[in-house]
């Protein structure tokens, strides 16, 4: 049986290939559409490594940028994406105790 991270990695890669295929099949503009595809695949890839919150944030940004560029509403839309990102970050970010934060800092060094 495959480990869970391998399964999500395979799903993420498959989703990326399907998304790129759909971009060409539907003749979408490549630049904004690839942001959406990368965003969705990013969410699955981060779930595989146990960093679901970071995947949600990066996926939100990429999908949000796709929508902003696709619908040509960059200026007011970026404020909305920033606000949604802040709300999701406040509600879903893992809270670290001071001992966990110190341990994380040691591991990063």
C-alpha atoms as a PDB file:
ATOM      1  CA  UNK A   1       0.000   0.000   0.000  1.00  0.00           C
ATOM      2  CA  UNK A   2       1.340   3.426  -0.951  1.00  0.00           C
ATOM      3  CA  UNK A   3       1.926   6.017   1.757  1.00  0.00           C
ATOM      4  CA  UNK A   4      -0.600   8.822   1.890  1.00  0.00           C
ATOM      5  CA  UNK A   5       1.941  11.446   0.762  1.00  0.00           C
ATOM      6  CA  UNK A   6       2.714   9.435  -2.374  1.00  0.00           C
ATOM      7  CA  UNK A   7      -0.992   9.199  -3.159  1.00  0.00           C
ATOM      8  CA  UNK A   8      -1.522  12.957  -2.843  1.00  0.00           C
ATOM      9  CA  UNK A   9       1.619  13.638  -4.877  1.00  0.00           C
ATOM     10  CA  UNK A  10       0.334  11.403  -7.665  1.00  0.00           C
ATOM     11  CA  UNK A  11      -3.100  13.050  -7.512  1.00  0.00           C
ATOM     12  CA  UNK A  12      -1.509  16.489  -7.626  1.00  0.00           C
ATOM     13  CA  UNK A  13       0.567  15.587 -10.685  1.00  0.00           C
ATOM     14  CA  UNK A  14      -2.439  14.058 -12.421  1.00  0.00           C
ATOM     15  CA  UNK A  15      -4.543  17.125 -11.709  1.00  0.00           C
ATOM     16  CA  UNK A  16      -1.793  19.342 -13.102  1.00  0.00           C
ATOM     17  CA  UNK A  17      -1.630  17.338 -16.357  1.00  0.00           C
ATOM     18  CA  UNK A  18      -5.419  17.266 -16.734  1.00  0.00           C
ATOM     19  CA  UNK A  19      -5.583  21.013 -16.099  1.00  0.00           C
ATOM     20  CA  UNK A  20      -2.929  21.792 -18.701  1.00  0.00           C
ATOM     21  CA  UNK A  21      -4.743  19.532 -21.166  1.00  0.00           C
ATOM     22  CA  UNK A  22      -8.030  21.344 -20.509  1.00  0.00           C
ATOM     23  CA  UNK A  23      -6.344  24.716 -21.019  1.00  0.00           C
ATOM     24  CA  UNK A  24      -5.313  23.667 -24.527  1.00  0.00           C
ATOM     25  CA  UNK A  25      -8.558  21.813 -25.284  1.00  0.00           C
ATOM     26  CA  UNK A  26     -10.756  24.751 -24.278  1.00  0.00           C
ATOM     27  CA  UNK A  27      -8.318  27.247 -25.837  1.00  0.00           C
ATOM     28  CA  UNK A  28      -8.115  29.340 -22.709  1.00  0.00           C
ATOM     29  CA  UNK A  29      -5.502  32.063 -22.291  1.00  0.00           C
ATOM     30  CA  UNK A  30      -2.542  30.135 -20.933  1.00  0.00           C
ATOM     31  CA  UNK A  31      -1.271  32.687 -18.407  1.00  0.00           C
ATOM     32  CA  UNK A  32      -4.281  33.174 -16.176  1.00  0.00           C
ATOM     33  CA  UNK A  33      -5.514  29.602 -16.570  1.00  0.00           C
ATOM     34  CA  UNK A  34      -2.196  28.060 -15.520  1.00  0.00           C
ATOM     35  CA  UNK A  35      -2.395  30.035 -12.259  1.00  0.00           C
ATOM     36  CA  UNK A  36      -5.688  28.332 -11.420  1.00  0.00           C
ATOM     37  CA  UNK A  37      -4.379  24.886 -12.323  1.00  0.00           C
ATOM     38  CA  UNK A  38      -1.226  25.403 -10.254  1.00  0.00           C
ATOM     39  CA  UNK A  39      -3.324  26.657  -7.344  1.00  0.00           C
ATOM     40  CA  UNK A  40      -5.518  23.568  -7.257  1.00  0.00           C
ATOM     41  CA  UNK A  41      -2.564  21.251  -7.641  1.00  0.00           C
ATOM     42  CA  UNK A  42      -0.689  23.154  -4.919  1.00  0.00           C
ATOM     43  CA  UNK A  43      -3.448  22.463  -2.428  1.00  0.00           C
ATOM     44  CA  UNK A  44      -3.173  18.705  -3.013  1.00  0.00           C
ATOM     45  CA  UNK A  45       0.630  18.738  -2.976  1.00  0.00           C
ATOM     46  CA  UNK A  46       0.738  20.557   0.365  1.00  0.00           C
ATOM     47  CA  UNK A  47      -1.838  18.200   1.861  1.00  0.00           C
ATOM     48  CA  UNK A  48       0.559  15.391   0.988  1.00  0.00           C
ATOM     49  CA  UNK A  49       3.339  16.882   3.073  1.00  0.00           C
ATOM     50  CA  UNK A  50       1.121  17.753   6.023  1.00  0.00           C
ATOM     51  CA  UNK A  51       1.234  21.508   5.390  1.00  0.00           C
ATOM     52  CA  UNK A  52      -2.429  21.865   4.473  1.00  0.00           C
ATOM     53  CA  UNK A  53      -2.700  25.456   5.704  1.00  0.00           C
ATOM     54  CA  UNK A  54       0.136  26.591   3.454  1.00  0.00           C
ATOM     55  CA  UNK A  55      -1.422  24.759   0.530  1.00  0.00           C
ATOM     56  CA  UNK A  56      -4.712  26.488   1.191  1.00  0.00           C
ATOM     57  CA  UNK A  57      -3.033  29.894   1.291  1.00  0.00           C
ATOM     58  CA  UNK A  58      -0.925  29.357  -1.829  1.00  0.00           C
ATOM     59  CA  UNK A  59      -3.851  27.778  -3.666  1.00  0.00           C
ATOM     60  CA  UNK A  60      -6.100  30.675  -2.709  1.00  0.00           C
ATOM     61  CA  UNK A  61      -3.575  33.165  -4.058  1.00  0.00           C
ATOM     62  CA  UNK A  62      -3.026  31.358  -7.344  1.00  0.00           C
ATOM     63  CA  UNK A  63      -6.730  30.723  -7.980  1.00  0.00           C
ATOM     64  CA  UNK A  64      -7.508  34.286  -6.890  1.00  0.00           C
ATOM     65  CA  UNK A  65      -4.927  35.713  -9.289  1.00  0.00           C
ATOM     66  CA  UNK A  66      -6.343  33.528 -12.055  1.00  0.00           C
ATOM     67  CA  UNK A  67      -9.809  35.011 -11.499  1.00  0.00           C
ATOM     68  CA  UNK A  68      -8.469  38.559 -11.315  1.00  0.00           C
ATOM     69  CA  UNK A  69      -6.521  38.301 -14.555  1.00  0.00           C
ATOM     70  CA  UNK A  70      -9.213  36.300 -16.347  1.00  0.00           C
ATOM     71  CA  UNK A  71     -11.978  38.797 -15.561  1.00  0.00           C
ATOM     72  CA  UNK A  72      -9.676  41.860 -15.789  1.00  0.00           C
ATOM     73  CA  UNK A  73     -10.566  43.127 -12.310  1.00  0.00           C
ATOM     74  CA  UNK A  74      -7.097  43.256 -10.826  1.00  0.00           C
ATOM     75  CA  UNK A  75      -7.247  46.455  -8.764  1.00  0.00           C
ATOM     76  CA  UNK A  76     -10.432  45.988  -6.751  1.00  0.00           C
ATOM     77  CA  UNK A  77     -10.044  42.226  -6.808  1.00  0.00           C
ATOM     78  CA  UNK A  78      -6.598  42.158  -5.200  1.00  0.00           C
ATOM     79  CA  UNK A  79      -8.091  43.842  -2.120  1.00  0.00           C
ATOM     80  CA  UNK A  80     -10.705  41.099  -1.906  1.00  0.00           C
ATOM     81  CA  UNK A  81      -8.076  38.344  -2.267  1.00  0.00           C
ATOM     82  CA  UNK A  82      -5.965  40.005   0.448  1.00  0.00           C
ATOM     83  CA  UNK A  83      -8.979  40.160   2.757  1.00  0.00           C
ATOM     84  CA  UNK A  84      -9.998  36.549   2.136  1.00  0.00           C
ATOM     85  CA  UNK A  85      -6.390  35.455   2.645  1.00  0.00           C
ATOM     86  CA  UNK A  86      -6.223  37.290   5.966  1.00  0.00           C
ATOM     87  CA  UNK A  87      -9.515  35.735   7.124  1.00  0.00           C
ATOM     88  CA  UNK A  88      -8.510  32.215   6.142  1.00  0.00           C
ATOM     89  CA  UNK A  89      -5.107  32.715   7.755  1.00  0.00           C
ATOM     90  CA  UNK A  90      -6.650  33.896  11.008  1.00  0.00           C
ATOM     91  CA  UNK A  91      -9.175  31.055  11.122  1.00  0.00           C
ATOM     92  CA  UNK A  92      -7.064  28.110   9.959  1.00  0.00           C
ATOM     93  CA  UNK A  93      -3.434  28.885  10.778  1.00  0.00           C
ATOM     94  CA  UNK A  94      -2.042  26.350  13.204  1.00  0.00           C
ATOM     95  CA  UNK A  95      -1.374  27.932  16.554  1.00  0.00           C
ATOM     96  CA  UNK A  96       2.028  27.088  17.990  1.00  0.00           C
ATOM     97  CA  UNK A  97       2.786  27.155  21.660  1.00  0.00           C
ATOM     98  CA  UNK A  98       6.006  28.914  22.626  1.00  0.00           C
ATOM     99  CA  UNK A  99       7.837  25.578  23.048  1.00  0.00           C
ATOM    100  CA  UNK A 100       6.669  24.388  19.604  1.00  0.00           C
ATOM    101  CA  UNK A 101       7.709  27.706  18.052  1.00  0.00           C
ATOM    102  CA  UNK A 102      11.206  27.394  19.560  1.00  0.00           C
ATOM    103  CA  UNK A 103      11.472  23.807  18.305  1.00  0.00           C
ATOM    104  CA  UNK A 104      10.414  24.907  14.800  1.00  0.00           C
ATOM    105  CA  UNK A 105      13.022  27.675  14.826  1.00  0.00           C
ATOM    106  CA  UNK A 106      15.737  25.153  15.834  1.00  0.00           C
ATOM    107  CA  UNK A 107      14.709  22.772  13.032  1.00  0.00           C
ATOM    108  CA  UNK A 108      14.812  25.553  10.432  1.00  0.00           C
ATOM    109  CA  UNK A 109      18.417  26.426  11.352  1.00  0.00           C
END
